[in-house]
Amino acid sequence: MFPAMNNDVVLVTVKGVMPTPNGCAVFLGHDDKTIVIYVDHSVGNAIQMTLAGVKKERPLTHDLIGHILLGLGARLDHIVINDVTNGTFFARILLRMDNELGTKVVEIDARPSDSTVLALQQQRPIYVARKVLDSVEDMTEILERVLKQQADEAAKPKPEPGEDSPPEEDEEDPK
């Protein structure tokens, strides 16, 4: 039985991705709690592009992995962010392969960031172990504050070209 089928894990979604000075903050959560995982810029961008449905000219690393899985007849069943130690999160990717011999399930250790990109690309569930959710701070309020600030900034009227430049000074020198 997959861990996702019992009460030890909670289904989450990506609620937001925000740039930080050292990478990106990925907010994952459900109705009751939001957690944040910090990832490098490239994976943060891959998550944002996947969420936005951006079509890429050439496959990126996560696209390549998805193509390899497809070629091998395997599919990502789900991912589980299963542990956190000293602020470092750990995840497992669960792959399913069905063929004439039956079903084989393979569980692979992976970074939560890479796992999240793959799950989003393949539209598969993302789970967080309840013990992980219970052990980290709820970031719902922070996410809501950041989203409100972004919405307020986006709602501000944009200055017309030339309006935001300082007034020109007279060419005469008062000396």
N, C-alpha and C. Protein backbone atom coordinates (compact mmCIF):
# COMPACT_ATOMS: atom_id res chain seq x y z
N MET A 1 0.85 -1.19 0.00
CA MET A 1 0.00 0.00 0.00
C MET A 1 0.88 1.24 0.00
N PHE A 2 0.51 2.20 -0.83
CA PHE A 2 1.26 3.45 -0.87
C PHE A 2 1.02 4.23 0.40
N PRO A 3 2.03 4.97 0.87
CA PRO A 3 1.83 5.80 2.06
C PRO A 3 0.73 6.83 1.87
N ALA A 4 0.48 7.22 0.64
CA ALA A 4 -0.54 8.23 0.38
C ALA A 4 -1.94 7.72 0.67
N MET A 5 -2.08 6.45 0.92
CA MET A 5 -3.41 5.87 1.14
C MET A 5 -3.79 5.82 2.62
N ASN A 6 -2.92 6.30 3.50
CA ASN A 6 -3.27 6.27 4.93
C ASN A 6 -3.22 7.68 5.51
N ASN A 7 -3.41 7.77 6.81
CA ASN A 7 -3.50 9.08 7.45
C ASN A 7 -2.15 9.67 7.83
N ASP A 8 -1.05 9.03 7.43
CA ASP A 8 0.27 9.54 7.79
C ASP A 8 0.75 10.65 6.86
N VAL A 9 0.01 10.89 5.77
CA VAL A 9 0.39 11.93 4.82
C VAL A 9 -0.81 12.82 4.51
N VAL A 10 -0.50 14.04 4.03
CA VAL A 10 -1.54 15.02 3.72
C VAL A 10 -1.30 15.52 2.30
N LEU A 11 -2.35 15.56 1.50
CA LEU A 11 -2.27 16.09 0.15
C LEU A 11 -2.09 17.60 0.20
N VAL A 12 -1.10 18.11 -0.56
CA VAL A 12 -0.85 19.54 -0.60
C VAL A 12 -0.78 20.01 -2.05
N THR A 13 -0.81 21.33 -2.21
CA THR A 13 -0.62 21.94 -3.52
C THR A 13 0.45 23.02 -3.39
N VAL A 14 0.97 23.44 -4.52
CA VAL A 14 1.90 24.56 -4.52
C VAL A 14 1.05 25.83 -4.46
N LYS A 15 1.20 26.58 -3.38
CA LYS A 15 0.39 27.79 -3.18
C LYS A 15 1.10 29.04 -3.67
N GLY A 16 2.40 28.96 -3.87
CA GLY A 16 3.14 30.12 -4.36
C GLY A 16 4.61 29.84 -4.47
N VAL A 17 5.27 30.59 -5.33
CA VAL A 17 6.72 30.52 -5.49
C VAL A 17 7.21 31.97 -5.50
N MET A 18 8.09 32.30 -4.57
CA MET A 18 8.57 33.68 -4.43
C MET A 18 10.09 33.71 -4.52
N PRO A 19 10.64 34.65 -5.28
CA PRO A 19 12.11 34.78 -5.31
C PRO A 19 12.64 35.23 -3.97
N THR A 20 13.83 34.74 -3.62
CA THR A 20 14.55 35.17 -2.42
C THR A 20 15.96 35.54 -2.86
N PRO A 21 16.74 36.16 -2.01
CA PRO A 21 18.11 36.51 -2.42
C PRO A 21 18.96 35.30 -2.83
N ASN A 22 18.68 34.13 -2.25
CA ASN A 22 19.50 32.95 -2.53
C ASN A 22 18.79 31.88 -3.34
N GLY A 23 17.61 32.14 -3.85
CA GLY A 23 16.88 31.13 -4.59
C GLY A 23 15.41 31.48 -4.65
N CYS A 24 14.58 30.50 -4.31
CA CYS A 24 13.13 30.71 -4.30
C CYS A 24 12.52 30.02 -3.09
N ALA A 25 11.45 30.60 -2.59
CA ALA A 25 10.67 29.98 -1.53
C ALA A 25 9.45 29.35 -2.19
N VAL A 26 9.28 28.05 -1.97
CA VAL A 26 8.13 27.33 -2.52
C VAL A 26 7.18 27.06 -1.36
N PHE A 27 5.96 27.62 -1.47
CA PHE A 27 4.96 27.45 -0.43
C PHE A 27 4.07 26.28 -0.80
N LEU A 28 4.03 25.28 0.06
CA LEU A 28 3.19 24.09 -0.14
C LEU A 28 2.19 24.03 1.00
N GLY A 29 0.97 23.64 0.71
CA GLY A 29 0.03 23.54 1.80
C GLY A 29 -1.33 23.04 1.40
N HIS A 30 -2.21 23.09 2.39
CA HIS A 30 -3.62 22.73 2.23
C HIS A 30 -4.41 23.79 3.00
N ASP A 31 -5.68 23.52 3.24
CA ASP A 31 -6.53 24.53 3.88
C ASP A 31 -6.06 24.96 5.27
N ASP A 32 -5.43 24.05 6.02
CA ASP A 32 -5.09 24.34 7.41
C ASP A 32 -3.67 24.82 7.66
N LYS A 33 -2.75 24.55 6.74
CA LYS A 33 -1.36 24.90 7.01
C LYS A 33 -0.58 25.04 5.71
N THR A 34 0.40 25.94 5.73
CA THR A 34 1.31 26.16 4.61
C THR A 34 2.73 26.06 5.15
N ILE A 35 3.58 25.33 4.41
CA ILE A 35 4.99 25.25 4.77
C ILE A 35 5.80 25.85 3.63
N VAL A 36 7.05 26.17 3.92
CA VAL A 36 7.91 26.73 2.88
C VAL A 36 9.17 25.88 2.77
N ILE A 37 9.55 25.63 1.52
CA ILE A 37 10.79 24.93 1.21
C ILE A 37 11.60 25.86 0.33
N TYR A 38 12.87 26.05 0.67
CA TYR A 38 13.73 26.92 -0.11
C TYR A 38 14.48 26.09 -1.14
N VAL A 39 14.47 26.57 -2.39
CA VAL A 39 15.09 25.85 -3.50
C VAL A 39 15.99 26.81 -4.27
N ASP A 40 16.86 26.26 -5.12
CA ASP A 40 17.71 27.14 -5.92
C ASP A 40 16.89 27.78 -7.04
N HIS A 41 17.46 28.83 -7.64
CA HIS A 41 16.74 29.61 -8.66
C HIS A 41 16.27 28.75 -9.83
N SER A 42 17.13 27.83 -10.30
CA SER A 42 16.77 27.06 -11.50
C SER A 42 15.56 26.17 -11.25
N VAL A 43 15.49 25.54 -10.10
CA VAL A 43 14.34 24.68 -9.81
C VAL A 43 13.11 25.53 -9.52
N GLY A 44 13.30 26.66 -8.84
CA GLY A 44 12.19 27.58 -8.61
C GLY A 44 11.60 28.06 -9.93
N ASN A 45 12.48 28.39 -10.89
CA ASN A 45 12.01 28.80 -12.22
C ASN A 45 11.28 27.66 -12.92
N ALA A 46 11.79 26.43 -12.79
CA ALA A 46 11.14 25.28 -13.41
C ALA A 46 9.74 25.08 -12.82
N ILE A 47 9.59 25.26 -11.51
CA ILE A 47 8.27 25.14 -10.88
C ILE A 47 7.34 26.23 -11.40
N GLN A 48 7.84 27.48 -11.44
CA GLN A 48 7.02 28.59 -11.94
C GLN A 48 6.60 28.37 -13.39
N MET A 49 7.53 27.93 -14.23
CA MET A 49 7.21 27.69 -15.64
C MET A 49 6.17 26.59 -15.78
N THR A 50 6.28 25.55 -14.98
CA THR A 50 5.31 24.45 -15.04
C THR A 50 3.94 24.94 -14.60
N LEU A 51 3.89 25.69 -13.50
CA LEU A 51 2.61 26.22 -13.02
C LEU A 51 1.96 27.14 -14.05
N ALA A 52 2.80 27.90 -14.76
CA ALA A 52 2.29 28.86 -15.75
C ALA A 52 2.01 28.21 -17.11
N GLY A 53 2.38 26.94 -17.26
CA GLY A 53 2.15 26.25 -18.52
C GLY A 53 3.04 26.74 -19.65
N VAL A 54 4.24 27.23 -19.31
CA VAL A 54 5.15 27.75 -20.32
C VAL A 54 5.67 26.60 -21.19
N LYS A 55 5.57 26.78 -22.49
CA LYS A 55 6.11 25.80 -23.44
C LYS A 55 7.57 26.14 -23.68
N LYS A 56 8.43 25.12 -23.61
CA LYS A 56 9.86 25.35 -23.79
C LYS A 56 10.30 24.86 -25.17
N GLU A 57 11.26 25.57 -25.75
CA GLU A 57 11.77 25.19 -27.06
C GLU A 57 12.50 23.85 -27.00
N ARG A 58 13.26 23.64 -25.95
CA ARG A 58 14.03 22.41 -25.77
C ARG A 58 13.73 21.85 -24.39
N PRO A 59 13.80 20.53 -24.23
CA PRO A 59 13.51 19.95 -22.91
C PRO A 59 14.56 20.33 -21.87
N LEU A 60 14.08 20.70 -20.70
CA LEU A 60 14.97 20.94 -19.56
C LEU A 60 15.17 19.61 -18.83
N THR A 61 15.99 19.61 -17.79
CA THR A 61 16.33 18.37 -17.08
C THR A 61 15.09 17.61 -16.61
N HIS A 62 14.12 18.32 -16.03
CA HIS A 62 12.92 17.64 -15.51
C HIS A 62 12.07 17.09 -16.65
N ASP A 63 12.06 17.80 -17.78
CA ASP A 63 11.35 17.28 -18.96
C ASP A 63 12.02 15.98 -19.43
N LEU A 64 13.35 15.98 -19.46
CA LEU A 64 14.10 14.80 -19.86
C LEU A 64 13.77 13.61 -18.97
N ILE A 65 13.74 13.82 -17.68
CA ILE A 65 13.42 12.73 -16.74
C ILE A 65 12.02 12.19 -17.04
N GLY A 66 11.06 13.07 -17.27
CA GLY A 66 9.71 12.63 -17.60
C GLY A 66 9.67 11.83 -18.88
N HIS A 67 10.45 12.26 -19.89
CA HIS A 67 10.51 11.52 -21.16
C HIS A 67 11.14 10.14 -20.98
N ILE A 68 12.17 10.07 -20.14
CA ILE A 68 12.81 8.78 -19.86
C ILE A 68 11.83 7.83 -19.18
N LEU A 69 11.10 8.33 -18.18
CA LEU A 69 10.11 7.50 -17.51
C LEU A 69 9.07 6.97 -18.50
N LEU A 70 8.59 7.86 -19.34
CA LEU A 70 7.61 7.46 -20.36
C LEU A 70 8.18 6.39 -21.28
N GLY A 71 9.43 6.58 -21.72
CA GLY A 71 10.07 5.61 -22.60
C GLY A 71 10.25 4.26 -21.95
N LEU A 72 10.42 4.24 -20.64
CA LEU A 72 10.61 2.98 -19.92
C LEU A 72 9.28 2.35 -19.49
N GLY A 73 8.19 3.02 -19.77
CA GLY A 73 6.89 2.48 -19.39
C GLY A 73 6.58 2.67 -17.92
N ALA A 74 7.25 3.62 -17.28
CA ALA A 74 6.99 3.90 -15.86
C ALA A 74 6.23 5.21 -15.76
N ARG A 75 5.46 5.35 -14.69
CA ARG A 75 4.80 6.63 -14.47
C ARG A 75 4.95 7.01 -13.01
N LEU A 76 5.10 8.31 -12.81
CA LEU A 76 5.19 8.82 -11.46
C LEU A 76 3.80 8.68 -10.84
N ASP A 77 3.71 7.95 -9.74
CA ASP A 77 2.42 7.78 -9.07
C ASP A 77 2.15 8.97 -8.17
N HIS A 78 3.11 9.30 -7.31
CA HIS A 78 3.01 10.47 -6.44
C HIS A 78 4.36 10.71 -5.78
N ILE A 79 4.47 11.83 -5.11
CA ILE A 79 5.67 12.11 -4.32
C ILE A 79 5.25 12.33 -2.87
N VAL A 80 6.20 12.09 -1.96
CA VAL A 80 5.97 12.34 -0.54
C VAL A 80 7.17 13.09 0.02
N ILE A 81 6.92 14.25 0.57
CA ILE A 81 7.97 14.94 1.34
C ILE A 81 7.89 14.30 2.71
N ASN A 82 8.86 13.45 2.98
CA ASN A 82 8.71 12.52 4.10
C ASN A 82 9.52 12.85 5.34
N ASP A 83 10.45 13.82 5.25
CA ASP A 83 11.25 14.10 6.44
C ASP A 83 11.82 15.51 6.35
N VAL A 84 12.19 16.04 7.50
CA VAL A 84 12.89 17.32 7.59
C VAL A 84 13.86 17.21 8.76
N THR A 85 15.11 17.60 8.50
CA THR A 85 16.13 17.58 9.53
C THR A 85 16.92 18.87 9.43
N ASN A 86 16.94 19.65 10.50
CA ASN A 86 17.67 20.93 10.53
C ASN A 86 17.32 21.81 9.34
N GLY A 87 16.05 21.88 8.99
CA GLY A 87 15.60 22.73 7.91
C GLY A 87 15.77 22.16 6.51
N THR A 88 16.37 20.97 6.39
CA THR A 88 16.53 20.32 5.10
C THR A 88 15.43 19.28 4.93
N PHE A 89 14.67 19.42 3.83
CA PHE A 89 13.57 18.51 3.56
C PHE A 89 14.04 17.36 2.69
N PHE A 90 13.38 16.22 2.83
CA PHE A 90 13.68 15.02 2.06
C PHE A 90 12.39 14.51 1.42
N ALA A 91 12.52 13.87 0.28
CA ALA A 91 11.33 13.38 -0.42
C ALA A 91 11.58 12.02 -1.03
N ARG A 92 10.48 11.38 -1.40
CA ARG A 92 10.49 10.10 -2.10
C ARG A 92 9.59 10.24 -3.31
N ILE A 93 10.07 9.72 -4.43
CA ILE A 93 9.27 9.62 -5.65
C ILE A 93 8.81 8.17 -5.76
N LEU A 94 7.53 7.95 -5.95
CA LEU A 94 7.01 6.60 -6.12
C LEU A 94 6.60 6.41 -7.57
N LEU A 95 7.29 5.48 -8.22
CA LEU A 95 7.03 5.17 -9.62
C LEU A 95 6.26 3.86 -9.70
N ARG A 96 5.40 3.77 -10.69
CA ARG A 96 4.62 2.55 -10.92
C ARG A 96 4.88 2.08 -12.35
N MET A 97 5.14 0.80 -12.47
CA MET A 97 5.32 0.20 -13.79
C MET A 97 4.37 -0.99 -13.89
N ASP A 98 3.48 -0.94 -14.87
CA ASP A 98 2.55 -2.03 -15.12
C ASP A 98 2.93 -2.69 -16.43
N ASN A 99 3.07 -4.02 -16.41
CA ASN A 99 3.32 -4.76 -17.64
C ASN A 99 2.72 -6.17 -17.53
N GLU A 100 3.06 -7.04 -18.48
CA GLU A 100 2.48 -8.38 -18.50
C GLU A 100 2.86 -9.21 -17.29
N LEU A 101 3.90 -8.81 -16.58
CA LEU A 101 4.31 -9.54 -15.38
C LEU A 101 3.63 -9.02 -14.12
N GLY A 102 2.93 -7.91 -14.24
CA GLY A 102 2.24 -7.34 -13.08
C GLY A 102 2.64 -5.90 -12.84
N THR A 103 2.50 -5.49 -11.60
CA THR A 103 2.80 -4.12 -11.22
C THR A 103 4.04 -4.10 -10.34
N LYS A 104 4.93 -3.18 -10.67
CA LYS A 104 6.12 -2.99 -9.85
C LYS A 104 6.13 -1.55 -9.37
N VAL A 105 6.40 -1.36 -8.08
CA VAL A 105 6.49 -0.03 -7.50
C VAL A 105 7.94 0.19 -7.08
N VAL A 106 8.48 1.33 -7.51
CA VAL A 106 9.85 1.69 -7.17
C VAL A 106 9.79 3.00 -6.41
N GLU A 107 10.49 3.05 -5.28
CA GLU A 107 10.54 4.25 -4.46
C GLU A 107 11.96 4.80 -4.53
N ILE A 108 12.08 6.09 -4.87
CA ILE A 108 13.39 6.70 -5.11
C ILE A 108 13.56 7.92 -4.20
N ASP A 109 14.73 8.01 -3.58
CA ASP A 109 15.08 9.18 -2.77
C ASP A 109 15.33 10.35 -3.71
N ALA A 110 14.80 11.52 -3.39
CA ALA A 110 14.97 12.69 -4.26
C ALA A 110 14.84 13.97 -3.45
N ARG A 111 15.32 15.06 -4.04
CA ARG A 111 15.11 16.36 -3.42
C ARG A 111 13.64 16.74 -3.58
N PRO A 112 13.04 17.37 -2.58
CA PRO A 112 11.65 17.80 -2.71
C PRO A 112 11.44 18.74 -3.89
N SER A 113 12.43 19.58 -4.18
CA SER A 113 12.29 20.52 -5.28
C SER A 113 12.14 19.80 -6.61
N ASP A 114 13.03 18.85 -6.90
CA ASP A 114 12.95 18.09 -8.15
C ASP A 114 11.68 17.26 -8.20
N SER A 115 11.34 16.66 -7.07
CA SER A 115 10.13 15.84 -6.99
C SER A 115 8.89 16.68 -7.30
N THR A 116 8.87 17.88 -6.77
CA THR A 116 7.72 18.77 -6.98
C THR A 116 7.57 19.14 -8.45
N VAL A 117 8.68 19.47 -9.11
CA VAL A 117 8.62 19.79 -10.54
C VAL A 117 8.04 18.61 -11.31
N LEU A 118 8.56 17.41 -11.05
CA LEU A 118 8.08 16.22 -11.78
C LEU A 118 6.59 15.97 -11.52
N ALA A 119 6.18 16.09 -10.26
CA ALA A 119 4.76 15.87 -9.93
C ALA A 119 3.88 16.90 -10.64
N LEU A 120 4.31 18.15 -10.66
CA LEU A 120 3.52 19.18 -11.35
C LEU A 120 3.46 18.92 -12.85
N GLN A 121 4.60 18.58 -13.45
CA GLN A 121 4.64 18.32 -14.88
C GLN A 121 3.73 17.17 -15.27
N GLN A 122 3.71 16.14 -14.44
CA GLN A 122 2.93 14.96 -14.76
C GLN A 122 1.55 14.96 -14.09
N GLN A 123 1.21 16.08 -13.48
CA GLN A 123 -0.09 16.26 -12.82
C GLN A 123 -0.40 15.11 -11.86
N ARG A 124 0.57 14.87 -10.97
CA ARG A 124 0.45 13.81 -9.97
C ARG A 124 0.42 14.42 -8.58
N PRO A 125 -0.13 13.70 -7.61
CA PRO A 125 -0.28 14.25 -6.25
C PRO A 125 1.05 14.50 -5.53
N ILE A 126 1.02 15.54 -4.70
CA ILE A 126 2.14 15.88 -3.82
C ILE A 126 1.63 15.70 -2.39
N TYR A 127 2.32 14.87 -1.63
CA TYR A 127 1.95 14.64 -0.24
C TYR A 127 3.08 15.09 0.68
N VAL A 128 2.71 15.48 1.89
CA VAL A 128 3.68 15.78 2.94
C VAL A 128 3.34 14.90 4.13
N ALA A 129 4.35 14.26 4.69
CA ALA A 129 4.13 13.43 5.87
C ALA A 129 3.60 14.31 7.00
N ARG A 130 2.62 13.78 7.71
CA ARG A 130 2.02 14.53 8.82
C ARG A 130 3.09 14.94 9.84
N LYS A 131 4.06 14.06 10.10
CA LYS A 131 5.12 14.40 11.07
C LYS A 131 5.93 15.61 10.60
N VAL A 132 6.09 15.77 9.28
CA VAL A 132 6.79 16.93 8.74
C VAL A 132 5.93 18.18 8.93
N LEU A 133 4.66 18.08 8.54
CA LEU A 133 3.75 19.22 8.71
C LEU A 133 3.69 19.68 10.17
N ASP A 134 3.64 18.72 11.08
CA ASP A 134 3.53 19.04 12.49
C ASP A 134 4.81 19.65 13.07
N SER A 135 5.95 19.41 12.41
CA SER A 135 7.23 19.85 12.98
C SER A 135 7.72 21.19 12.46
N VAL A 136 7.06 21.74 11.44
CA VAL A 136 7.54 23.01 10.88
C VAL A 136 6.50 24.10 11.09
N GLU A 137 6.98 25.33 11.02
CA GLU A 137 6.14 26.51 11.27
C GLU A 137 5.10 26.70 10.17
N ASP A 138 3.91 27.14 10.57
CA ASP A 138 2.85 27.47 9.61
C ASP A 138 3.17 28.82 8.98
N MET A 139 3.26 28.84 7.65
CA MET A 139 3.64 30.05 6.92
C MET A 139 2.46 30.66 6.17
N THR A 140 1.24 30.25 6.51
CA THR A 140 0.05 30.74 5.81
C THR A 140 -0.04 32.26 5.88
N GLU A 141 0.16 32.82 7.06
CA GLU A 141 0.03 34.27 7.24
C GLU A 141 1.08 35.02 6.42
N ILE A 142 2.30 34.50 6.39
CA ILE A 142 3.38 35.14 5.62
C ILE A 142 3.03 35.11 4.13
N LEU A 143 2.58 33.95 3.64
CA LEU A 143 2.21 33.84 2.23
C LEU A 143 1.09 34.82 1.89
N GLU A 144 0.07 34.89 2.72
CA GLU A 144 -1.05 35.81 2.46
C GLU A 144 -0.57 37.25 2.44
N ARG A 145 0.34 37.60 3.33
CA ARG A 145 0.87 38.96 3.37
C ARG A 145 1.66 39.29 2.09
N VAL A 146 2.49 38.34 1.65
CA VAL A 146 3.28 38.55 0.44
C VAL A 146 2.36 38.65 -0.79
N LEU A 147 1.36 37.78 -0.87
CA LEU A 147 0.44 37.82 -2.00
C LEU A 147 -0.35 39.13 -2.03
N LYS A 148 -0.75 39.61 -0.84
CA LYS A 148 -1.48 40.88 -0.77
C LYS A 148 -0.58 42.03 -1.21
N GLN A 149 0.67 42.01 -0.77
CA GLN A 149 1.62 43.05 -1.15
C GLN A 149 1.83 43.04 -2.67
N GLN A 150 1.95 41.84 -3.26
CA GLN A 150 2.13 41.74 -4.71
C GLN A 150 0.89 42.27 -5.44
N ALA A 151 -0.28 41.93 -4.93
CA ALA A 151 -1.52 42.40 -5.55
C ALA A 151 -1.63 43.92 -5.45
N ASP A 152 -1.25 44.48 -4.31
CA ASP A 152 -1.28 45.94 -4.13
C ASP A 152 -0.32 46.62 -5.11
N GLU A 153 0.86 46.05 -5.27
CA GLU A 153 1.85 46.61 -6.20
C GLU A 153 1.33 46.55 -7.63
N ALA A 154 0.71 45.43 -7.99
CA ALA A 154 0.19 45.26 -9.35
C ALA A 154 -0.97 46.21 -9.63
N ALA A 155 -1.71 46.59 -8.58
CA ALA A 155 -2.89 47.45 -8.75
C ALA A 155 -2.51 48.93 -8.84
N LYS A 156 -1.30 49.28 -8.44
CA LYS A 156 -0.88 50.68 -8.50
C LYS A 156 -0.84 51.13 -9.95
N PRO A 157 -1.32 52.36 -10.20
CA PRO A 157 -1.25 52.86 -11.58
C PRO A 157 0.21 53.04 -12.00
N LYS A 158 0.47 52.66 -13.22
CA LYS A 158 1.82 52.80 -13.76
C LYS A 158 1.98 54.21 -14.32
N PRO A 159 3.12 54.86 -14.05
CA PRO A 159 3.33 56.21 -14.59
C PRO A 159 3.47 56.16 -16.11
N GLU A 160 3.00 57.21 -16.75
CA GLU A 160 3.15 57.32 -18.20
C GLU A 160 4.63 57.53 -18.51
N PRO A 161 5.06 57.15 -19.69
CA PRO A 161 6.48 57.36 -20.02
C PRO A 161 6.86 58.83 -19.84
N GLY A 162 7.94 59.04 -19.14
CA GLY A 162 8.42 60.39 -18.89
C GLY A 162 7.90 61.00 -17.60
N GLU A 163 6.81 60.45 -17.04
CA GLU A 163 6.25 61.02 -15.80
C GLU A 163 7.13 60.78 -14.60
N ASP A 164 7.84 59.66 -14.59
CA ASP A 164 8.61 59.32 -13.41
C ASP A 164 10.01 59.90 -13.42
N SER A 165 10.38 60.63 -14.47
CA SER A 165 11.71 61.22 -14.51
C SER A 165 11.67 62.58 -13.81
N PRO A 166 12.80 62.98 -13.22
CA PRO A 166 12.81 64.27 -12.51
C PRO A 166 12.64 65.42 -13.50
N PRO A 167 12.12 66.55 -13.02
CA PRO A 167 11.94 67.70 -13.91
C PRO A 167 13.29 68.17 -14.43
N GLU A 168 13.30 68.63 -15.66
CA GLU A 168 14.54 69.10 -16.26
C GLU A 168 14.93 70.43 -15.63
N GLU A 169 16.23 70.61 -15.46
CA GLU A 169 16.73 71.86 -14.89
C GLU A 169 16.95 72.87 -16.00
N ASP A 170 16.90 74.13 -15.62
CA ASP A 170 17.20 75.18 -16.62
C ASP A 170 18.64 75.02 -17.07
N GLU A 171 18.85 75.35 -18.33
CA GLU A 171 20.18 75.21 -18.88
C GLU A 171 21.11 76.31 -18.37
N GLU A 172 20.56 77.42 -17.93
CA GLU A 172 21.41 78.52 -17.46
C GLU A 172 22.04 78.15 -16.13
N ASP A 173 23.29 78.49 -15.98
CA ASP A 173 23.98 78.25 -14.74
C ASP A 173 23.86 79.50 -13.88
N PRO A 174 23.30 79.42 -12.67
CA PRO A 174 23.06 80.61 -11.86
C PRO A 174 24.32 81.26 -11.32
N LYS A 175 25.51 80.89 -11.70
CA LYS A 175 26.73 81.47 -11.15
C LYS A 175 26.94 82.86 -11.52
